[in-house]
Amino acid sequence: MTYDQWKTKHPGRTKSERRALDLIGCGEFSPPVQARVLDRMVKDGLLVELPPLKMPFIGTLSMTVRQFEMPIPVHRQWREYCAALTDEDLRDITP
């Protein structure tokens, strides 16, 4: 068996989904990704939407921030993917 045959795949299908999952997996609850991408990920079961966070802004203004987390099976697959990365794989990843 070659390395690519047993290597765990990233749970995200597109570059935007992979970026969102990487940020959420590292502790970011509201990744800077388009809302339609996040909505599709919630619909597909890759993310769970938490209750929105209402933050005070200036004076009487407030800002509502959407928050997300990964379900445990998705987080486990993401962790296995990250653990299997080699130095060569990390060179190919661009922020």
PDB file of N, CA and C in Angstrom:
ATOM      1  N   MET A   1       0.833  -1.190   0.000  1.00  0.00           N
ATOM      2  CA  MET A   1       0.000   0.000   0.000  1.00  0.00           C
ATOM      3  C   MET A   1       0.876   1.251   0.000  1.00  0.00           C
ATOM      4  N   THR A   2       0.489   2.202  -0.820  1.00  0.00           N
ATOM      5  CA  THR A   2       1.258   3.449  -0.842  1.00  0.00           C
ATOM      6  C   THR A   2       0.731   4.405   0.226  1.00  0.00           C
ATOM      7  N   TYR A   3       1.517   5.422   0.487  1.00  0.00           N
ATOM      8  CA  TYR A   3       1.170   6.418   1.505  1.00  0.00           C
ATOM      9  C   TYR A   3      -0.191   7.059   1.211  1.00  0.00           C
ATOM     10  N   ASP A   4      -0.455   7.397  -0.045  1.00  0.00           N
ATOM     11  CA  ASP A   4      -1.703   8.080  -0.401  1.00  0.00           C
ATOM     12  C   ASP A   4      -2.930   7.185  -0.213  1.00  0.00           C
ATOM     13  N   GLN A   5      -2.770   5.873  -0.248  1.00  0.00           N
ATOM     14  CA  GLN A   5      -3.915   4.980  -0.105  1.00  0.00           C
ATOM     15  C   GLN A   5      -4.425   4.902   1.327  1.00  0.00           C
ATOM     16  N   TRP A   6      -3.547   5.026   2.316  1.00  0.00           N
ATOM     17  CA  TRP A   6      -4.001   4.937   3.710  1.00  0.00           C
ATOM     18  C   TRP A   6      -4.117   6.287   4.387  1.00  0.00           C
ATOM     19  N   LYS A   7      -3.661   7.329   3.718  1.00  0.00           N
ATOM     20  CA  LYS A   7      -3.703   8.665   4.303  1.00  0.00           C
ATOM     21  C   LYS A   7      -5.157   9.143   4.447  1.00  0.00           C
ATOM     22  N   THR A   8      -5.495   9.669   5.620  1.00  0.00           N
ATOM     23  CA  THR A   8      -6.839  10.180   5.875  1.00  0.00           C
ATOM     24  C   THR A   8      -7.060  11.442   5.045  1.00  0.00           C
ATOM     25  N   LYS A   9      -8.215  11.535   4.424  1.00  0.00           N
ATOM     26  CA  LYS A   9      -8.546  12.698   3.593  1.00  0.00           C
ATOM     27  C   LYS A   9      -9.093  13.829   4.457  1.00  0.00           C
ATOM     28  N   HIS A  10      -8.854  15.053   4.024  1.00  0.00           N
ATOM     29  CA  HIS A  10      -9.405  16.224   4.713  1.00  0.00           C
ATOM     30  C   HIS A  10     -10.917  16.194   4.544  1.00  0.00           C
ATOM     31  N   PRO A  11     -11.683  16.473   5.622  1.00  0.00           N
ATOM     32  CA  PRO A  11     -13.146  16.416   5.491  1.00  0.00           C
ATOM     33  C   PRO A  11     -13.727  17.512   4.591  1.00  0.00           C
ATOM     34  N   GLY A  12     -13.006  18.613   4.388  1.00  0.00           N
ATOM     35  CA  GLY A  12     -13.496  19.683   3.508  1.00  0.00           C
ATOM     36  C   GLY A  12     -13.306  19.321   2.053  1.00  0.00           C
ATOM     37  N   ARG A  13     -14.298  19.665   1.222  1.00  0.00           N
ATOM     38  CA  ARG A  13     -14.226  19.307  -0.195  1.00  0.00           C
ATOM     39  C   ARG A  13     -13.628  20.418  -1.048  1.00  0.00           C
ATOM     40  N   THR A  14     -13.851  21.673  -0.675  1.00  0.00           N
ATOM     41  CA  THR A  14     -13.327  22.792  -1.452  1.00  0.00           C
ATOM     42  C   THR A  14     -12.267  23.520  -0.624  1.00  0.00           C
ATOM     43  N   LYS A  15     -11.544  24.414  -1.276  1.00  0.00           N
ATOM     44  CA  LYS A  15     -10.505  25.174  -0.575  1.00  0.00           C
ATOM     45  C   LYS A  15     -11.118  26.016   0.554  1.00  0.00           C
ATOM     46  N   SER A  16     -12.276  26.610   0.311  1.00  0.00           N
ATOM     47  CA  SER A  16     -12.945  27.416   1.339  1.00  0.00           C
ATOM     48  C   SER A  16     -13.382  26.559   2.522  1.00  0.00           C
ATOM     49  N   GLU A  17     -13.904  25.367   2.244  1.00  0.00           N
ATOM     50  CA  GLU A  17     -14.326  24.469   3.323  1.00  0.00           C
ATOM     51  C   GLU A  17     -13.123  24.005   4.134  1.00  0.00           C
ATOM     52  N   ARG A  18     -12.029  23.676   3.455  1.00  0.00           N
ATOM     53  CA  ARG A  18     -10.831  23.239   4.172  1.00  0.00           C
ATOM     54  C   ARG A  18     -10.293  24.366   5.050  1.00  0.00           C
ATOM     55  N   ARG A  19     -10.314  25.597   4.537  1.00  0.00           N
ATOM     56  CA  ARG A  19      -9.842  26.748   5.316  1.00  0.00           C
ATOM     57  C   ARG A  19     -10.718  26.950   6.553  1.00  0.00           C
ATOM     58  N   ALA A  20     -12.038  26.883   6.375  1.00  0.00           N
ATOM     59  CA  ALA A  20     -12.960  27.054   7.507  1.00  0.00           C
ATOM     60  C   ALA A  20     -12.740  25.975   8.558  1.00  0.00           C
ATOM     61  N   LEU A  21     -12.616  24.721   8.130  1.00  0.00           N
ATOM     62  CA  LEU A  21     -12.417  23.629   9.082  1.00  0.00           C
ATOM     63  C   LEU A  21     -11.064  23.747   9.787  1.00  0.00           C
ATOM     64  N   ASP A  22     -10.040  24.184   9.059  1.00  0.00           N
ATOM     65  CA  ASP A  22      -8.731  24.364   9.686  1.00  0.00           C
ATOM     66  C   ASP A  22      -8.795  25.441  10.767  1.00  0.00           C
ATOM     67  N   LEU A  23      -9.478  26.542  10.481  1.00  0.00           N
ATOM     68  CA  LEU A  23      -9.586  27.618  11.469  1.00  0.00           C
ATOM     69  C   LEU A  23     -10.420  27.188  12.677  1.00  0.00           C
ATOM     70  N   ILE A  24     -11.541  26.530  12.427  1.00  0.00           N
ATOM     71  CA  ILE A  24     -12.393  26.085  13.530  1.00  0.00           C
ATOM     72  C   ILE A  24     -11.679  25.013  14.353  1.00  0.00           C
ATOM     73  N   GLY A  25     -10.965  24.122  13.691  1.00  0.00           N
ATOM     74  CA  GLY A  25     -10.225  23.085  14.394  1.00  0.00           C
ATOM     75  C   GLY A  25      -9.132  23.649  15.292  1.00  0.00           C
ATOM     76  N   CYS A  26      -8.649  24.840  14.950  1.00  0.00           N
ATOM     77  CA  CYS A  26      -7.597  25.487  15.753  1.00  0.00           C
ATOM     78  C   CYS A  26      -8.167  26.487  16.754  1.00  0.00           C
ATOM     79  N   GLY A  27      -9.495  26.516  16.923  1.00  0.00           N
ATOM     80  CA  GLY A  27     -10.085  27.336  17.979  1.00  0.00           C
ATOM     81  C   GLY A  27     -10.854  28.569  17.540  1.00  0.00           C
ATOM     82  N   GLU A  28     -10.937  28.846  16.255  1.00  0.00           N
ATOM     83  CA  GLU A  28     -11.686  30.005  15.756  1.00  0.00           C
ATOM     84  C   GLU A  28     -13.157  29.608  15.638  1.00  0.00           C
ATOM     85  N   PHE A  29     -14.048  30.353  16.289  1.00  0.00           N
ATOM     86  CA  PHE A  29     -15.473  30.000  16.249  1.00  0.00           C
ATOM     87  C   PHE A  29     -16.237  30.692  15.132  1.00  0.00           C
ATOM     88  N   SER A  30     -15.657  31.739  14.561  1.00  0.00           N
ATOM     89  CA  SER A  30     -16.330  32.479  13.498  1.00  0.00           C
ATOM     90  C   SER A  30     -15.325  32.757  12.376  1.00  0.00           C
ATOM     91  N   PRO A  31     -15.071  31.762  11.516  1.00  0.00           N
ATOM     92  CA  PRO A  31     -14.047  31.935  10.484  1.00  0.00           C
ATOM     93  C   PRO A  31     -14.463  32.949   9.424  1.00  0.00           C
ATOM     94  N   PRO A  32     -13.500  33.694   8.876  1.00  0.00           N
ATOM     95  CA  PRO A  32     -13.806  34.679   7.829  1.00  0.00           C
ATOM     96  C   PRO A  32     -14.001  34.004   6.473  1.00  0.00           C
ATOM     97  N   VAL A  33     -15.109  33.283   6.345  1.00  0.00           N
ATOM     98  CA  VAL A  33     -15.458  32.563   5.123  1.00  0.00           C
ATOM     99  C   VAL A  33     -16.857  33.017   4.720  1.00  0.00           C
ATOM    100  N   GLN A  34     -17.144  32.995   3.428  1.00  0.00           N
ATOM    101  CA  GLN A  34     -18.451  33.444   2.945  1.00  0.00           C
ATOM    102  C   GLN A  34     -19.586  32.687   3.626  1.00  0.00           C
ATOM    103  N   ALA A  35     -20.672  33.407   3.888  1.00  0.00           N
ATOM    104  CA  ALA A  35     -21.825  32.838   4.593  1.00  0.00           C
ATOM    105  C   ALA A  35     -22.416  31.649   3.844  1.00  0.00           C
ATOM    106  N   ARG A  36     -22.438  31.695   2.519  1.00  0.00           N
ATOM    107  CA  ARG A  36     -23.030  30.577   1.758  1.00  0.00           C
ATOM    108  C   ARG A  36     -22.209  29.305   1.914  1.00  0.00           C
ATOM    109  N   VAL A  37     -20.891  29.444   2.057  1.00  0.00           N
ATOM    110  CA  VAL A  37     -20.038  28.270   2.282  1.00  0.00           C
ATOM    111  C   VAL A  37     -20.345  27.674   3.654  1.00  0.00           C
ATOM    112  N   LEU A  38     -20.450  28.530   4.674  1.00  0.00           N
ATOM    113  CA  LEU A  38     -20.761  28.059   6.023  1.00  0.00           C
ATOM    114  C   LEU A  38     -22.149  27.422   6.074  1.00  0.00           C
ATOM    115  N   ASP A  39     -23.128  28.032   5.399  1.00  0.00           N
ATOM    116  CA  ASP A  39     -24.484  27.466   5.355  1.00  0.00           C
ATOM    117  C   ASP A  39     -24.489  26.079   4.719  1.00  0.00           C
ATOM    118  N   ARG A  40     -23.734  25.927   3.620  1.00  0.00           N
ATOM    119  CA  ARG A  40     -23.654  24.631   2.944  1.00  0.00           C
ATOM    120  C   ARG A  40     -22.981  23.590   3.848  1.00  0.00           C
ATOM    121  N   MET A  41     -21.964  24.009   4.595  1.00  0.00           N
ATOM    122  CA  MET A  41     -21.271  23.084   5.491  1.00  0.00           C
ATOM    123  C   MET A  41     -22.179  22.640   6.639  1.00  0.00           C
ATOM    124  N   VAL A  42     -23.012  23.554   7.134  1.00  0.00           N
ATOM    125  CA  VAL A  42     -23.983  23.187   8.179  1.00  0.00           C
ATOM    126  C   VAL A  42     -24.999  22.195   7.606  1.00  0.00           C
ATOM    127  N   LYS A  43     -25.489  22.482   6.398  1.00  0.00           N
ATOM    128  CA  LYS A  43     -26.467  21.603   5.749  1.00  0.00           C
ATOM    129  C   LYS A  43     -25.891  20.209   5.509  1.00  0.00           C
ATOM    130  N   ASP A  44     -24.603  20.141   5.150  1.00  0.00           N
ATOM    131  CA  ASP A  44     -23.960  18.864   4.853  1.00  0.00           C
ATOM    132  C   ASP A  44     -23.443  18.138   6.098  1.00  0.00           C
ATOM    133  N   GLY A  45     -23.565  18.774   7.266  1.00  0.00           N
ATOM    134  CA  GLY A  45     -23.164  18.119   8.506  1.00  0.00           C
ATOM    135  C   GLY A  45     -21.706  18.276   8.884  1.00  0.00           C
ATOM    136  N   LEU A  46     -20.962  19.132   8.164  1.00  0.00           N
ATOM    137  CA  LEU A  46     -19.556  19.353   8.499  1.00  0.00           C
ATOM    138  C   LEU A  46     -19.395  20.319   9.670  1.00  0.00           C
ATOM    139  N   LEU A  47     -20.398  21.169   9.891  1.00  0.00           N
ATOM    140  CA  LEU A  47     -20.377  22.135  10.992  1.00  0.00           C
ATOM    141  C   LEU A  47     -21.714  22.130  11.716  1.00  0.00           C
ATOM    142  N   VAL A  48     -21.668  22.581  12.954  1.00  0.00           N
ATOM    143  CA  VAL A  48     -22.872  22.803  13.749  1.00  0.00           C
ATOM    144  C   VAL A  48     -22.875  24.282  14.111  1.00  0.00           C
ATOM    145  N   GLU A  49     -24.009  24.948  13.868  1.00  0.00           N
ATOM    146  CA  GLU A  49     -24.085  26.377  14.200  1.00  0.00           C
ATOM    147  C   GLU A  49     -24.486  26.541  15.662  1.00  0.00           C
ATOM    148  N   LEU A  50     -23.716  27.323  16.382  1.00  0.00           N
ATOM    149  CA  LEU A  50     -23.994  27.643  17.779  1.00  0.00           C
ATOM    150  C   LEU A  50     -24.911  28.860  17.843  1.00  0.00           C
ATOM    151  N   PRO A  51     -25.501  29.137  18.994  1.00  0.00           N
ATOM    152  CA  PRO A  51     -26.285  30.373  19.112  1.00  0.00           C
ATOM    153  C   PRO A  51     -25.409  31.581  18.798  1.00  0.00           C
ATOM    154  N   PRO A  52     -25.958  32.572  18.089  1.00  0.00           N
ATOM    155  CA  PRO A  52     -25.149  33.743  17.723  1.00  0.00           C
ATOM    156  C   PRO A  52     -24.712  34.520  18.963  1.00  0.00           C
ATOM    157  N   LEU A  53     -23.557  35.134  18.844  1.00  0.00           N
ATOM    158  CA  LEU A  53     -22.993  35.935  19.918  1.00  0.00           C
ATOM    159  C   LEU A  53     -23.287  37.401  19.624  1.00  0.00           C
ATOM    160  N   LYS A  54     -23.942  38.071  20.551  1.00  0.00           N
ATOM    161  CA  LYS A  54     -24.258  39.490  20.377  1.00  0.00           C
ATOM    162  C   LYS A  54     -23.204  40.295  21.128  1.00  0.00           C
ATOM    163  N   MET A  55     -22.454  41.093  20.390  1.00  0.00           N
ATOM    164  CA  MET A  55     -21.346  41.849  20.972  1.00  0.00           C
ATOM    165  C   MET A  55     -21.670  43.338  20.956  1.00  0.00           C
ATOM    166  N   PRO A  56     -21.434  44.046  22.069  1.00  0.00           N
ATOM    167  CA  PRO A  56     -21.631  45.495  22.059  1.00  0.00           C
ATOM    168  C   PRO A  56     -20.606  46.137  21.126  1.00  0.00           C
ATOM    169  N   PHE A  57     -21.044  47.154  20.441  1.00  0.00           N
ATOM    170  CA  PHE A  57     -20.169  47.809  19.476  1.00  0.00           C
ATOM    171  C   PHE A  57     -19.899  49.220  19.967  1.00  0.00           C
ATOM    172  N   ILE A  58     -20.454  50.213  19.350  1.00  0.00           N
ATOM    173  CA  ILE A  58     -20.248  51.601  19.744  1.00  0.00           C
ATOM    174  C   ILE A  58     -21.560  52.148  20.289  1.00  0.00           C
ATOM    175  N   GLY A  59     -21.528  52.637  21.510  1.00  0.00           N
ATOM    176  CA  GLY A  59     -22.735  53.207  22.105  1.00  0.00           C
ATOM    177  C   GLY A  59     -23.828  52.160  22.223  1.00  0.00           C
ATOM    178  N   THR A  60     -24.966  52.430  21.568  1.00  0.00           N
ATOM    179  CA  THR A  60     -26.096  51.502  21.644  1.00  0.00           C
ATOM    180  C   THR A  60     -26.083  50.466  20.519  1.00  0.00           C
ATOM    181  N   LEU A  61     -25.124  50.569  19.619  1.00  0.00           N
ATOM    182  CA  LEU A  61     -25.036  49.609  18.516  1.00  0.00           C
ATOM    183  C   LEU A  61     -24.451  48.289  19.008  1.00  0.00           C
ATOM    184  N   SER A  62     -24.892  47.212  18.402  1.00  0.00           N
ATOM    185  CA  SER A  62     -24.328  45.903  18.724  1.00  0.00           C
ATOM    186  C   SER A  62     -24.116  45.125  17.424  1.00  0.00           C
ATOM    187  N   MET A  63     -23.327  44.100  17.514  1.00  0.00           N
ATOM    188  CA  MET A  63     -22.980  43.300  16.347  1.00  0.00           C
ATOM    189  C   MET A  63     -23.268  41.837  16.686  1.00  0.00           C
ATOM    190  N   THR A  64     -23.932  41.133  15.793  1.00  0.00           N
ATOM    191  CA  THR A  64     -24.227  39.716  15.993  1.00  0.00           C
ATOM    192  C   THR A  64     -23.235  38.893  15.176  1.00  0.00           C
ATOM    193  N   VAL A  65     -22.569  37.954  15.830  1.00  0.00           N
ATOM    194  CA  VAL A  65     -21.546  37.124  15.188  1.00  0.00           C
ATOM    195  C   VAL A  65     -22.010  35.671  15.194  1.00  0.00           C
ATOM    196  N   ARG A  66     -22.002  35.048  14.018  1.00  0.00           N
ATOM    197  CA  ARG A  66     -22.342  33.631  13.924  1.00  0.00           C
ATOM    198  C   ARG A  66     -21.160  32.805  14.421  1.00  0.00           C
ATOM    199  N   GLN A  67     -21.466  31.728  15.145  1.00  0.00           N
ATOM    200  CA  GLN A  67     -20.430  30.855  15.681  1.00  0.00           C
ATOM    201  C   GLN A  67     -20.679  29.415  15.232  1.00  0.00           C
ATOM    202  N   PHE A  68     -19.600  28.677  15.045  1.00  0.00           N
ATOM    203  CA  PHE A  68     -19.698  27.304  14.555  1.00  0.00           C
ATOM    204  C   PHE A  68     -18.734  26.412  15.318  1.00  0.00           C
ATOM    205  N   GLU A  69     -19.014  25.105  15.278  1.00  0.00           N
ATOM    206  CA  GLU A  69     -18.077  24.111  15.781  1.00  0.00           C
ATOM    207  C   GLU A  69     -18.200  22.865  14.920  1.00  0.00           C
ATOM    208  N   MET A  70     -17.188  22.012  14.986  1.00  0.00           N
ATOM    209  CA  MET A  70     -17.195  20.763  14.238  1.00  0.00           C
ATOM    210  C   MET A  70     -17.821  19.659  15.071  1.00  0.00           C
ATOM    211  N   PRO A  71     -18.674  18.829  14.465  1.00  0.00           N
ATOM    212  CA  PRO A  71     -19.144  17.641  15.179  1.00  0.00           C
ATOM    213  C   PRO A  71     -17.939  16.730  15.476  1.00  0.00           C
ATOM    214  N   ILE A  72     -18.030  15.924  16.502  1.00  0.00           N
ATOM    215  CA  ILE A  72     -16.901  15.091  16.927  1.00  0.00           C
ATOM    216  C   ILE A  72     -16.365  14.190  15.804  1.00  0.00           C
ATOM    217  N   PRO A  73     -17.213  13.484  15.016  1.00  0.00           N
ATOM    218  CA  PRO A  73     -16.648  12.635  13.948  1.00  0.00           C
ATOM    219  C   PRO A  73     -15.851  13.436  12.906  1.00  0.00           C
ATOM    220  N   VAL A  74     -16.330  14.638  12.573  1.00  0.00           N
ATOM    221  CA  VAL A  74     -15.610  15.479  11.604  1.00  0.00           C
ATOM    222  C   VAL A  74     -14.299  15.961  12.221  1.00  0.00           C
ATOM    223  N   HIS A  75     -14.339  16.353  13.487  1.00  0.00           N
ATOM    224  CA  HIS A  75     -13.117  16.824  14.158  1.00  0.00           C
ATOM    225  C   HIS A  75     -12.094  15.689  14.249  1.00  0.00           C
ATOM    226  N   ARG A  76     -12.562  14.492  14.487  1.00  0.00           N
ATOM    227  CA  ARG A  76     -11.646  13.344  14.562  1.00  0.00           C
ATOM    228  C   ARG A  76     -10.971  13.103  13.215  1.00  0.00           C
ATOM    229  N   GLN A  77     -11.740  13.149  12.128  1.00  0.00           N
ATOM    230  CA  GLN A  77     -11.165  12.971  10.794  1.00  0.00           C
ATOM    231  C   GLN A  77     -10.176  14.084  10.491  1.00  0.00           C
ATOM    232  N   TRP A  78     -10.512  15.328  10.860  1.00  0.00           N
ATOM    233  CA  TRP A  78      -9.621  16.465  10.627  1.00  0.00           C
ATOM    234  C   TRP A  78      -8.308  16.273  11.400  1.00  0.00           C
ATOM    235  N   ARG A  79      -8.410  15.823  12.668  1.00  0.00           N
ATOM    236  CA  ARG A  79      -7.196  15.595  13.481  1.00  0.00           C
ATOM    237  C   ARG A  79      -6.330  14.507  12.868  1.00  0.00           C
ATOM    238  N   GLU A  80      -6.941  13.425  12.401  1.00  0.00           N
ATOM    239  CA  GLU A  80      -6.177  12.350  11.773  1.00  0.00           C
ATOM    240  C   GLU A  80      -5.485  12.845  10.508  1.00  0.00           C
ATOM    241  N   TYR A  81      -6.175  13.688   9.748  1.00  0.00           N
ATOM    242  CA  TYR A  81      -5.574  14.274   8.546  1.00  0.00           C
ATOM    243  C   TYR A  81      -4.350  15.109   8.935  1.00  0.00           C
ATOM    244  N   CYS A  82      -4.503  15.964   9.938  1.00  0.00           N
ATOM    245  CA  CYS A  82      -3.395  16.831  10.363  1.00  0.00           C
ATOM    246  C   CYS A  82      -2.223  16.022  10.904  1.00  0.00           C
ATOM    247  N   ALA A  83      -2.510  14.959  11.640  1.00  0.00           N
ATOM    248  CA  ALA A  83      -1.451  14.135  12.217  1.00  0.00           C
ATOM    249  C   ALA A  83      -0.648  13.410  11.143  1.00  0.00           C
ATOM    250  N   ALA A  84      -1.260  13.129  10.009  1.00  0.00           N
ATOM    251  CA  ALA A  84      -0.588  12.391   8.942  1.00  0.00           C
ATOM    252  C   ALA A  84       0.199  13.285   7.994  1.00  0.00           C
ATOM    253  N   LEU A  85       0.131  14.598   8.177  1.00  0.00           N
ATOM    254  CA  LEU A  85       0.849  15.504   7.279  1.00  0.00           C
ATOM    255  C   LEU A  85       2.352  15.331   7.432  1.00  0.00           C
ATOM    256  N   THR A  86       3.041  15.358   6.310  1.00  0.00           N
ATOM    257  CA  THR A  86       4.498  15.293   6.310  1.00  0.00           C
ATOM    258  C   THR A  86       5.047  16.692   6.041  1.00  0.00           C
ATOM    259  N   ASP A  87       6.351  16.857   6.159  1.00  0.00           N
ATOM    260  CA  ASP A  87       6.968  18.152   5.860  1.00  0.00           C
ATOM    261  C   ASP A  87       6.701  18.565   4.419  1.00  0.00           C
ATOM    262  N   GLU A  88       6.691  17.602   3.520  1.00  0.00           N
ATOM    263  CA  GLU A  88       6.425  17.889   2.106  1.00  0.00           C
ATOM    264  C   GLU A  88       4.984  18.401   1.929  1.00  0.00           C
ATOM    265  N   ASP A  89       4.035  17.785   2.626  1.00  0.00           N
ATOM    266  CA  ASP A  89       2.641  18.240   2.564  1.00  0.00           C
ATOM    267  C   ASP A  89       2.520  19.661   3.089  1.00  0.00           C
ATOM    268  N   LEU A  90       3.217  19.965   4.168  1.00  0.00           N
ATOM    269  CA  LEU A  90       3.122  21.296   4.773  1.00  0.00           C
ATOM    270  C   LEU A  90       3.685  22.371   3.869  1.00  0.00           C
ATOM    271  N   ARG A  91       4.681  22.025   3.039  1.00  0.00           N
ATOM    272  CA  ARG A  91       5.227  23.005   2.090  1.00  0.00           C
ATOM    273  C   ARG A  91       4.191  23.371   1.041  1.00  0.00           C
ATOM    274  N   ASP A  92       3.302  22.424   0.696  1.00  0.00           N
ATOM    275  CA  ASP A  92       2.309  22.652  -0.353  1.00  0.00           C
ATOM    276  C   ASP A  92       1.128  23.477   0.144  1.00  0.00           C
ATOM    277  N   ILE A  93       0.936  23.548   1.450  1.00  0.00           N
ATOM    278  CA  ILE A  93      -0.199  24.284   2.012  1.00  0.00           C
ATOM    279  C   ILE A  93       0.149  25.760   2.073  1.00  0.00           C
ATOM    280  N   THR A  94      -0.735  26.574   1.515  1.00  0.00           N
ATOM    281  CA  THR A  94      -0.533  28.021   1.572  1.00  0.00           C
ATOM    282  C   THR A  94      -1.631  28.628   2.426  1.00  0.00           C
ATOM    283  N   PRO A  95      -1.282  29.565   3.294  1.00  0.00           N
ATOM    284  CA  PRO A  95      -2.314  30.173   4.160  1.00  0.00           C
ATOM    285  C   PRO A  95      -3.306  31.004   3.396  1.00  0.00           C
TER     286      PRO A  95
END
